[in-house]
């Protein structure tokens, strides 16, 4: 024991702990746990803005926002989601597929759904697991909405 208290990280199913050598601040602990456990928490316990997003699918979202047809990219999203079937991110990939299906029917879906979910979050009173689920969904929806807002802002600047 080199310091008090000794902190060790035990990965799921492991009996051998890894000694924690980092700082003793909340930020340092959270950063370490996020790295080791693959979580996306911020101080206070909330999820960060990356939780629930899938990088490979975000690139496909960018294609739609770049002008590609939603129906064409939706097929690519489904294929990419299938590749993740045995991955922990599959449940998030399924949400991307659902959003693309809804966008095929209504272009304003992402903005409306984001506003609805943000309203639910702002009211509070949710169970922690439900709050986390909604936060993950809003993170995905922001990928669609932020790019649209950036395009609108660029168009205003050109005028």
N, C-alpha and C. Protein backbone atom coordinates (compact mmCIF):
# COMPACT_ATOMS: atom_id res chain seq x y z
N UNK A 1 0.85 -1.18 0.00
CA UNK A 1 0.00 0.00 0.00
C UNK A 1 0.89 1.23 0.00
N UNK A 2 0.72 2.06 -1.04
CA UNK A 2 1.56 3.24 -1.14
C UNK A 2 0.83 4.53 -0.75
N UNK A 3 -0.48 4.47 -0.71
CA UNK A 3 -1.24 5.64 -0.30
C UNK A 3 -2.53 5.18 0.36
N UNK A 4 -3.18 6.12 1.03
CA UNK A 4 -4.41 5.77 1.71
C UNK A 4 -5.52 6.61 1.14
N UNK A 5 -6.64 6.13 0.78
CA UNK A 5 -6.95 4.71 0.66
C UNK A 5 -6.44 4.14 -0.66
N UNK A 6 -6.20 2.85 -0.69
CA UNK A 6 -5.80 2.17 -1.92
C UNK A 6 -7.06 1.90 -2.72
N UNK A 7 -7.04 2.28 -3.98
CA UNK A 7 -8.20 2.08 -4.85
C UNK A 7 -7.79 1.15 -5.97
N UNK A 8 -8.62 0.15 -6.23
CA UNK A 8 -8.37 -0.79 -7.32
C UNK A 8 -9.60 -0.90 -8.18
N UNK A 9 -9.37 -1.07 -9.48
CA UNK A 9 -10.45 -1.27 -10.44
C UNK A 9 -10.52 -2.75 -10.77
N UNK A 10 -11.71 -3.33 -10.61
CA UNK A 10 -11.93 -4.73 -10.94
C UNK A 10 -12.87 -4.77 -12.14
N UNK A 11 -12.36 -5.20 -13.28
CA UNK A 11 -13.19 -5.34 -14.47
C UNK A 11 -14.20 -6.45 -14.24
N UNK A 12 -15.31 -6.41 -14.94
CA UNK A 12 -16.35 -7.42 -14.78
C UNK A 12 -15.76 -8.82 -14.97
N UNK A 13 -15.99 -9.68 -14.00
CA UNK A 13 -15.53 -11.06 -14.06
C UNK A 13 -14.08 -11.27 -13.68
N UNK A 14 -13.37 -10.22 -13.34
CA UNK A 14 -11.96 -10.33 -13.00
C UNK A 14 -11.77 -10.33 -11.48
N UNK A 15 -10.85 -11.15 -11.03
CA UNK A 15 -10.52 -11.17 -9.60
C UNK A 15 -9.23 -10.41 -9.33
N UNK A 16 -8.57 -9.98 -10.41
CA UNK A 16 -7.32 -9.23 -10.28
C UNK A 16 -7.61 -7.74 -10.49
N UNK A 17 -7.43 -6.99 -9.44
CA UNK A 17 -7.67 -5.56 -9.52
C UNK A 17 -6.47 -4.82 -10.08
N UNK A 18 -6.74 -3.71 -10.74
CA UNK A 18 -5.70 -2.84 -11.27
C UNK A 18 -5.63 -1.63 -10.34
N UNK A 19 -4.47 -1.37 -9.80
CA UNK A 19 -4.31 -0.24 -8.88
C UNK A 19 -4.55 1.07 -9.59
N UNK A 20 -5.33 1.92 -8.95
CA UNK A 20 -5.62 3.25 -9.50
C UNK A 20 -4.50 4.18 -9.05
N UNK A 21 -3.87 4.83 -10.03
CA UNK A 21 -2.73 5.69 -9.74
C UNK A 21 -3.01 7.17 -10.05
N UNK A 22 -4.25 7.46 -10.47
CA UNK A 22 -4.58 8.81 -10.90
C UNK A 22 -4.89 9.77 -9.76
N UNK A 23 -5.39 10.93 -10.15
CA UNK A 23 -5.73 11.97 -9.20
C UNK A 23 -6.91 11.58 -8.34
N UNK A 24 -7.17 12.36 -7.31
CA UNK A 24 -8.23 12.04 -6.36
C UNK A 24 -9.44 12.97 -6.49
N UNK A 25 -9.52 13.68 -7.60
CA UNK A 25 -10.68 14.55 -7.82
C UNK A 25 -11.81 13.76 -8.47
N UNK A 26 -13.01 14.29 -8.40
CA UNK A 26 -14.16 13.64 -9.03
C UNK A 26 -13.92 13.50 -10.53
N UNK A 27 -13.40 14.54 -11.17
CA UNK A 27 -13.14 14.50 -12.61
C UNK A 27 -12.16 13.38 -12.98
N UNK A 28 -11.10 13.24 -12.17
CA UNK A 28 -10.09 12.22 -12.44
C UNK A 28 -10.68 10.81 -12.30
N UNK A 29 -11.48 10.61 -11.27
CA UNK A 29 -12.12 9.30 -11.07
C UNK A 29 -13.06 8.97 -12.22
N UNK A 30 -13.87 9.94 -12.60
CA UNK A 30 -14.84 9.72 -13.67
C UNK A 30 -14.15 9.43 -14.99
N UNK A 31 -13.11 10.18 -15.29
CA UNK A 31 -12.35 9.95 -16.52
C UNK A 31 -11.79 8.53 -16.55
N UNK A 32 -11.24 8.09 -15.43
CA UNK A 32 -10.64 6.76 -15.32
C UNK A 32 -11.72 5.67 -15.51
N UNK A 33 -12.83 5.82 -14.82
CA UNK A 33 -13.90 4.83 -14.93
C UNK A 33 -14.48 4.81 -16.34
N UNK A 34 -14.68 5.98 -16.94
CA UNK A 34 -15.18 6.02 -18.32
C UNK A 34 -14.25 5.27 -19.26
N UNK A 35 -12.96 5.47 -19.10
CA UNK A 35 -11.97 4.80 -19.94
C UNK A 35 -12.00 3.29 -19.74
N UNK A 36 -12.00 2.86 -18.48
CA UNK A 36 -11.95 1.43 -18.17
C UNK A 36 -13.25 0.70 -18.46
N UNK A 37 -14.37 1.33 -18.14
CA UNK A 37 -15.66 0.66 -18.26
C UNK A 37 -16.42 1.00 -19.54
N UNK A 38 -15.90 1.95 -20.31
CA UNK A 38 -16.57 2.32 -21.55
C UNK A 38 -17.86 3.11 -21.32
N UNK A 39 -17.94 3.79 -20.19
CA UNK A 39 -19.12 4.60 -19.89
C UNK A 39 -18.91 6.02 -20.39
N UNK A 40 -19.94 6.82 -20.28
CA UNK A 40 -19.89 8.20 -20.77
C UNK A 40 -20.50 9.15 -19.74
N UNK A 41 -19.97 9.14 -18.56
CA UNK A 41 -20.51 9.97 -17.48
C UNK A 41 -19.72 11.26 -17.33
N UNK A 42 -20.37 12.25 -16.76
CA UNK A 42 -19.74 13.52 -16.43
C UNK A 42 -19.94 13.75 -14.93
N UNK A 43 -19.18 14.66 -14.33
CA UNK A 43 -19.38 14.93 -12.90
C UNK A 43 -20.84 15.24 -12.60
N UNK A 44 -21.34 14.64 -11.54
CA UNK A 44 -22.75 14.79 -11.18
C UNK A 44 -23.57 13.57 -11.59
N UNK A 45 -23.01 12.71 -12.45
CA UNK A 45 -23.68 11.47 -12.81
C UNK A 45 -24.42 11.46 -14.13
N UNK A 46 -24.58 12.61 -14.75
CA UNK A 46 -25.28 12.66 -16.04
C UNK A 46 -24.42 12.02 -17.14
N UNK A 47 -25.07 11.76 -18.28
CA UNK A 47 -24.35 11.26 -19.44
C UNK A 47 -23.78 12.41 -20.24
N UNK A 48 -22.66 12.17 -20.93
CA UNK A 48 -22.07 13.20 -21.79
C UNK A 48 -22.78 13.23 -23.14
N UNK A 49 -22.32 14.05 -24.04
CA UNK A 49 -22.98 14.23 -25.34
C UNK A 49 -22.63 13.14 -26.35
N UNK A 50 -21.78 12.21 -25.98
CA UNK A 50 -21.40 11.12 -26.88
C UNK A 50 -22.19 9.85 -26.58
N UNK A 51 -22.74 9.75 -25.39
CA UNK A 51 -23.47 8.54 -24.98
C UNK A 51 -24.61 8.25 -25.96
N UNK A 52 -24.66 7.01 -26.42
CA UNK A 52 -25.72 6.58 -27.32
C UNK A 52 -25.45 6.80 -28.79
N UNK A 53 -24.39 7.52 -29.12
CA UNK A 53 -24.08 7.76 -30.53
C UNK A 53 -23.11 6.70 -31.04
N UNK A 54 -23.16 6.47 -32.33
CA UNK A 54 -22.29 5.49 -32.98
C UNK A 54 -21.55 6.21 -34.10
N UNK A 55 -20.24 6.29 -33.98
CA UNK A 55 -19.42 7.08 -34.91
C UNK A 55 -19.64 6.69 -36.38
N UNK A 56 -19.69 5.38 -36.65
CA UNK A 56 -19.86 4.94 -38.04
C UNK A 56 -21.21 5.37 -38.61
N UNK A 57 -22.21 5.46 -37.77
CA UNK A 57 -23.53 5.90 -38.23
C UNK A 57 -23.62 7.43 -38.31
N UNK A 58 -22.84 8.10 -37.48
CA UNK A 58 -22.80 9.56 -37.54
C UNK A 58 -22.27 10.03 -38.89
N UNK A 59 -21.34 9.28 -39.47
CA UNK A 59 -20.83 9.66 -40.79
C UNK A 59 -21.93 9.53 -41.85
N UNK A 60 -22.84 8.57 -41.66
CA UNK A 60 -23.95 8.42 -42.59
C UNK A 60 -24.98 9.54 -42.40
N UNK A 61 -25.16 9.97 -41.17
CA UNK A 61 -26.04 11.11 -40.91
C UNK A 61 -25.49 12.34 -41.65
N UNK A 62 -24.19 12.50 -41.61
CA UNK A 62 -23.56 13.64 -42.29
C UNK A 62 -23.82 13.59 -43.79
N UNK A 63 -23.91 12.39 -44.36
CA UNK A 63 -24.20 12.27 -45.79
C UNK A 63 -25.58 12.83 -46.12
N UNK A 64 -26.54 12.52 -45.28
CA UNK A 64 -27.90 13.03 -45.49
C UNK A 64 -27.91 14.54 -45.38
N UNK A 65 -27.22 15.03 -44.38
CA UNK A 65 -27.19 16.46 -44.17
C UNK A 65 -26.38 17.17 -45.25
N UNK A 66 -25.54 16.39 -45.94
CA UNK A 66 -24.76 16.93 -47.04
C UNK A 66 -25.54 16.95 -48.34
N UNK A 67 -26.75 16.37 -48.34
CA UNK A 67 -27.58 16.43 -49.54
C UNK A 67 -27.98 15.09 -50.11
N UNK A 68 -27.43 13.99 -49.61
CA UNK A 68 -27.83 12.67 -50.11
C UNK A 68 -29.29 12.39 -49.74
N UNK A 69 -29.94 11.53 -50.51
CA UNK A 69 -31.34 11.20 -50.24
C UNK A 69 -31.44 10.32 -49.00
N UNK A 70 -32.44 10.62 -48.19
CA UNK A 70 -32.65 9.89 -46.94
C UNK A 70 -32.84 8.40 -47.21
N UNK A 71 -33.63 8.06 -48.21
CA UNK A 71 -33.92 6.66 -48.50
C UNK A 71 -32.65 5.88 -48.85
N UNK A 72 -31.76 6.51 -49.62
CA UNK A 72 -30.52 5.85 -50.01
C UNK A 72 -29.63 5.60 -48.79
N UNK A 73 -29.50 6.61 -47.96
CA UNK A 73 -28.63 6.49 -46.78
C UNK A 73 -29.26 5.57 -45.75
N UNK A 74 -30.59 5.53 -45.68
CA UNK A 74 -31.28 4.66 -44.72
C UNK A 74 -30.90 3.20 -44.96
N UNK A 75 -30.76 2.82 -46.22
CA UNK A 75 -30.36 1.44 -46.54
C UNK A 75 -28.94 1.18 -46.04
N UNK A 76 -28.05 2.16 -46.19
CA UNK A 76 -26.68 2.02 -45.68
C UNK A 76 -26.67 1.91 -44.16
N UNK A 77 -27.53 2.68 -43.52
CA UNK A 77 -27.61 2.66 -42.05
C UNK A 77 -28.04 1.28 -41.58
N UNK A 78 -29.02 0.70 -42.25
CA UNK A 78 -29.48 -0.64 -41.87
C UNK A 78 -28.37 -1.67 -42.01
N UNK A 79 -27.60 -1.57 -43.09
CA UNK A 79 -26.48 -2.50 -43.29
C UNK A 79 -25.43 -2.33 -42.21
N UNK A 80 -25.10 -1.09 -41.90
CA UNK A 80 -24.10 -0.81 -40.88
C UNK A 80 -24.59 -1.27 -39.50
N UNK A 81 -25.87 -1.09 -39.24
CA UNK A 81 -26.45 -1.53 -37.96
C UNK A 81 -26.37 -3.04 -37.83
N UNK A 82 -26.61 -3.74 -38.92
CA UNK A 82 -26.52 -5.21 -38.89
C UNK A 82 -25.11 -5.69 -38.54
N UNK A 83 -24.11 -4.94 -38.99
CA UNK A 83 -22.72 -5.29 -38.67
C UNK A 83 -22.46 -5.20 -37.17
N UNK A 84 -23.24 -4.38 -36.49
CA UNK A 84 -23.05 -4.17 -35.05
C UNK A 84 -23.92 -5.09 -34.20
N UNK A 85 -24.57 -6.06 -34.83
CA UNK A 85 -25.54 -6.91 -34.13
C UNK A 85 -24.99 -7.54 -32.85
N UNK A 86 -23.75 -7.97 -32.87
CA UNK A 86 -23.17 -8.61 -31.68
C UNK A 86 -22.39 -7.64 -30.82
N UNK A 87 -22.45 -6.37 -31.17
CA UNK A 87 -21.74 -5.33 -30.43
C UNK A 87 -22.68 -4.70 -29.41
N UNK A 88 -22.11 -4.14 -28.36
CA UNK A 88 -22.91 -3.48 -27.33
C UNK A 88 -23.63 -2.26 -27.88
N UNK A 89 -23.15 -1.69 -28.96
CA UNK A 89 -23.76 -0.49 -29.54
C UNK A 89 -24.96 -0.78 -30.43
N UNK A 90 -25.31 -2.06 -30.58
CA UNK A 90 -26.40 -2.42 -31.49
C UNK A 90 -27.72 -1.75 -31.10
N UNK A 91 -28.01 -1.68 -29.78
CA UNK A 91 -29.29 -1.07 -29.38
C UNK A 91 -29.35 0.41 -29.77
N UNK A 92 -28.18 1.08 -29.80
CA UNK A 92 -28.15 2.46 -30.24
C UNK A 92 -28.28 2.54 -31.75
N UNK A 93 -27.69 1.60 -32.44
CA UNK A 93 -27.78 1.56 -33.90
C UNK A 93 -29.24 1.36 -34.33
N UNK A 94 -29.98 0.57 -33.57
CA UNK A 94 -31.39 0.38 -33.88
C UNK A 94 -32.16 1.70 -33.83
N UNK A 95 -31.76 2.57 -32.91
CA UNK A 95 -32.44 3.86 -32.81
C UNK A 95 -32.15 4.73 -34.04
N UNK A 96 -30.92 4.67 -34.54
CA UNK A 96 -30.60 5.39 -35.79
C UNK A 96 -31.51 4.91 -36.92
N UNK A 97 -31.67 3.59 -37.02
CA UNK A 97 -32.53 3.03 -38.07
C UNK A 97 -33.95 3.57 -37.93
N UNK A 98 -34.46 3.59 -36.69
CA UNK A 98 -35.81 4.09 -36.44
C UNK A 98 -35.93 5.57 -36.83
N UNK A 99 -34.92 6.36 -36.49
CA UNK A 99 -34.95 7.79 -36.83
C UNK A 99 -34.96 7.96 -38.35
N UNK A 100 -34.15 7.19 -39.07
CA UNK A 100 -34.13 7.30 -40.53
C UNK A 100 -35.48 6.90 -41.12
N UNK A 101 -36.12 5.87 -40.56
CA UNK A 101 -37.44 5.47 -41.05
C UNK A 101 -38.45 6.59 -40.85
N UNK A 102 -38.40 7.25 -39.70
CA UNK A 102 -39.32 8.36 -39.41
C UNK A 102 -39.02 9.57 -40.30
N UNK A 103 -37.73 9.81 -40.57
CA UNK A 103 -37.36 10.93 -41.43
C UNK A 103 -37.83 10.72 -42.87
N UNK A 104 -37.93 9.46 -43.30
CA UNK A 104 -38.47 9.16 -44.63
C UNK A 104 -39.91 9.64 -44.75
N UNK A 105 -40.63 9.60 -43.63
CA UNK A 105 -42.05 10.00 -43.62
C UNK A 105 -42.23 11.48 -43.34
N UNK A 106 -41.33 12.05 -42.53
CA UNK A 106 -41.47 13.45 -42.14
C UNK A 106 -40.10 14.06 -41.89
N UNK A 107 -39.72 15.05 -42.72
CA UNK A 107 -38.39 15.65 -42.60
C UNK A 107 -38.18 16.38 -41.28
N UNK A 108 -39.24 16.86 -40.67
CA UNK A 108 -39.13 17.60 -39.43
C UNK A 108 -39.14 16.72 -38.18
N UNK A 109 -39.14 15.41 -38.38
CA UNK A 109 -39.26 14.49 -37.25
C UNK A 109 -38.17 14.71 -36.19
N UNK A 110 -36.92 14.81 -36.60
CA UNK A 110 -35.82 14.89 -35.64
C UNK A 110 -35.95 16.10 -34.73
N UNK A 111 -36.27 17.25 -35.30
CA UNK A 111 -36.40 18.47 -34.50
C UNK A 111 -37.58 18.38 -33.54
N UNK A 112 -38.71 17.86 -34.02
CA UNK A 112 -39.90 17.73 -33.17
C UNK A 112 -39.65 16.74 -32.03
N UNK A 113 -39.06 15.62 -32.36
CA UNK A 113 -38.80 14.59 -31.34
C UNK A 113 -37.78 15.09 -30.33
N UNK A 114 -36.77 15.79 -30.80
CA UNK A 114 -35.77 16.35 -29.89
C UNK A 114 -36.42 17.34 -28.92
N UNK A 115 -37.27 18.20 -29.42
CA UNK A 115 -37.97 19.17 -28.57
C UNK A 115 -38.84 18.45 -27.54
N UNK A 116 -39.52 17.40 -27.97
CA UNK A 116 -40.38 16.64 -27.06
C UNK A 116 -39.56 15.99 -25.94
N UNK A 117 -38.48 15.32 -26.32
CA UNK A 117 -37.64 14.64 -25.33
C UNK A 117 -36.93 15.63 -24.41
N UNK A 118 -36.48 16.75 -24.95
CA UNK A 118 -35.87 17.79 -24.10
C UNK A 118 -36.87 18.30 -23.08
N UNK A 119 -38.13 18.41 -23.49
CA UNK A 119 -39.19 18.84 -22.57
C UNK A 119 -39.38 17.85 -21.44
N UNK A 120 -39.35 16.59 -21.76
CA UNK A 120 -39.48 15.54 -20.74
C UNK A 120 -38.31 15.61 -19.77
N UNK A 121 -37.10 15.77 -20.30
CA UNK A 121 -35.92 15.86 -19.44
C UNK A 121 -35.97 17.09 -18.54
N UNK A 122 -36.44 18.21 -19.07
CA UNK A 122 -36.45 19.44 -18.29
C UNK A 122 -37.46 19.39 -17.14
N UNK A 123 -38.51 18.59 -17.27
CA UNK A 123 -39.49 18.47 -16.20
C UNK A 123 -38.92 17.71 -15.01
N UNK A 124 -37.99 16.79 -15.28
CA UNK A 124 -37.38 16.02 -14.20
C UNK A 124 -38.32 14.96 -13.67
N UNK A 125 -37.95 14.39 -12.53
CA UNK A 125 -38.78 13.37 -11.90
C UNK A 125 -38.71 12.01 -12.55
N UNK A 126 -37.75 11.80 -13.43
CA UNK A 126 -37.62 10.52 -14.12
C UNK A 126 -36.72 9.57 -13.33
N UNK A 127 -36.98 8.29 -13.48
CA UNK A 127 -36.08 7.29 -12.92
C UNK A 127 -34.74 7.42 -13.63
N UNK A 128 -33.64 7.17 -12.94
CA UNK A 128 -32.32 7.35 -13.57
C UNK A 128 -32.15 6.58 -14.89
N UNK A 129 -32.65 5.36 -14.97
CA UNK A 129 -32.48 4.59 -16.20
C UNK A 129 -33.27 5.20 -17.35
N UNK A 130 -34.46 5.71 -17.06
CA UNK A 130 -35.28 6.35 -18.09
C UNK A 130 -34.64 7.66 -18.54
N UNK A 131 -34.10 8.43 -17.59
CA UNK A 131 -33.42 9.68 -17.92
C UNK A 131 -32.22 9.40 -18.83
N UNK A 132 -31.46 8.35 -18.52
CA UNK A 132 -30.31 7.99 -19.35
C UNK A 132 -30.74 7.58 -20.75
N UNK A 133 -31.83 6.82 -20.84
CA UNK A 133 -32.33 6.37 -22.14
C UNK A 133 -32.72 7.58 -23.00
N UNK A 134 -33.42 8.52 -22.40
CA UNK A 134 -33.85 9.70 -23.14
C UNK A 134 -32.65 10.56 -23.52
N UNK A 135 -31.68 10.68 -22.64
CA UNK A 135 -30.47 11.46 -22.94
C UNK A 135 -29.73 10.86 -24.13
N UNK A 136 -29.63 9.54 -24.19
CA UNK A 136 -28.97 8.89 -25.33
C UNK A 136 -29.72 9.20 -26.63
N UNK A 137 -31.03 9.15 -26.57
CA UNK A 137 -31.82 9.44 -27.77
C UNK A 137 -31.64 10.89 -28.20
N UNK A 138 -31.62 11.82 -27.25
CA UNK A 138 -31.43 13.22 -27.62
C UNK A 138 -30.05 13.45 -28.22
N UNK A 139 -29.05 12.72 -27.73
CA UNK A 139 -27.70 12.84 -28.31
C UNK A 139 -27.71 12.44 -29.78
N UNK A 140 -28.43 11.37 -30.11
CA UNK A 140 -28.52 10.93 -31.51
C UNK A 140 -29.28 11.97 -32.33
N UNK A 141 -30.41 12.41 -31.82
CA UNK A 141 -31.23 13.38 -32.56
C UNK A 141 -30.48 14.69 -32.81
N UNK A 142 -29.64 15.09 -31.87
CA UNK A 142 -28.86 16.32 -32.06
C UNK A 142 -27.92 16.21 -33.26
N UNK A 143 -27.47 15.00 -33.57
CA UNK A 143 -26.61 14.81 -34.75
C UNK A 143 -27.35 15.23 -36.02
N UNK A 144 -28.66 14.99 -36.04
CA UNK A 144 -29.48 15.37 -37.20
C UNK A 144 -29.82 16.85 -37.17
N UNK A 145 -30.18 17.36 -36.01
CA UNK A 145 -30.69 18.72 -35.89
C UNK A 145 -29.59 19.77 -35.91
N UNK A 146 -28.47 19.53 -35.26
CA UNK A 146 -27.40 20.53 -35.22
C UNK A 146 -26.87 20.84 -36.60
N UNK A 147 -26.72 19.84 -37.42
CA UNK A 147 -26.22 20.07 -38.78
C UNK A 147 -27.22 20.88 -39.59
N UNK A 148 -28.50 20.61 -39.39
CA UNK A 148 -29.53 21.38 -40.10
C UNK A 148 -29.47 22.83 -39.65
N UNK A 149 -29.30 23.06 -38.34
CA UNK A 149 -29.21 24.42 -37.80
C UNK A 149 -27.98 25.13 -38.36
N UNK A 150 -26.85 24.40 -38.48
CA UNK A 150 -25.63 24.99 -39.04
C UNK A 150 -25.86 25.41 -40.49
N UNK A 151 -26.56 24.57 -41.26
CA UNK A 151 -26.84 24.90 -42.66
C UNK A 151 -27.70 26.15 -42.76
N UNK A 152 -28.72 26.25 -41.90
CA UNK A 152 -29.59 27.42 -41.90
C UNK A 152 -28.82 28.67 -41.55
N UNK A 153 -27.91 28.55 -40.58
CA UNK A 153 -27.08 29.69 -40.17
C UNK A 153 -26.16 30.14 -41.31
N UNK A 154 -25.57 29.17 -42.02
CA UNK A 154 -24.71 29.48 -43.14
C UNK A 154 -25.50 30.19 -44.25
N UNK A 155 -26.73 29.75 -44.50
CA UNK A 155 -27.57 30.35 -45.53
C UNK A 155 -27.92 31.80 -45.16
N UNK A 156 -28.17 32.05 -43.89
CA UNK A 156 -28.47 33.41 -43.43
C UNK A 156 -27.26 34.32 -43.63
N UNK A 157 -26.07 33.80 -43.35
CA UNK A 157 -24.85 34.59 -43.50
C UNK A 157 -24.60 34.96 -44.95
N UNK A 158 -24.97 34.07 -45.88
CA UNK A 158 -24.78 34.33 -47.30
C UNK A 158 -25.69 35.45 -47.78
N UNK A 159 -26.85 35.57 -47.15
CA UNK A 159 -27.81 36.62 -47.55
C UNK A 159 -27.27 37.94 -47.11
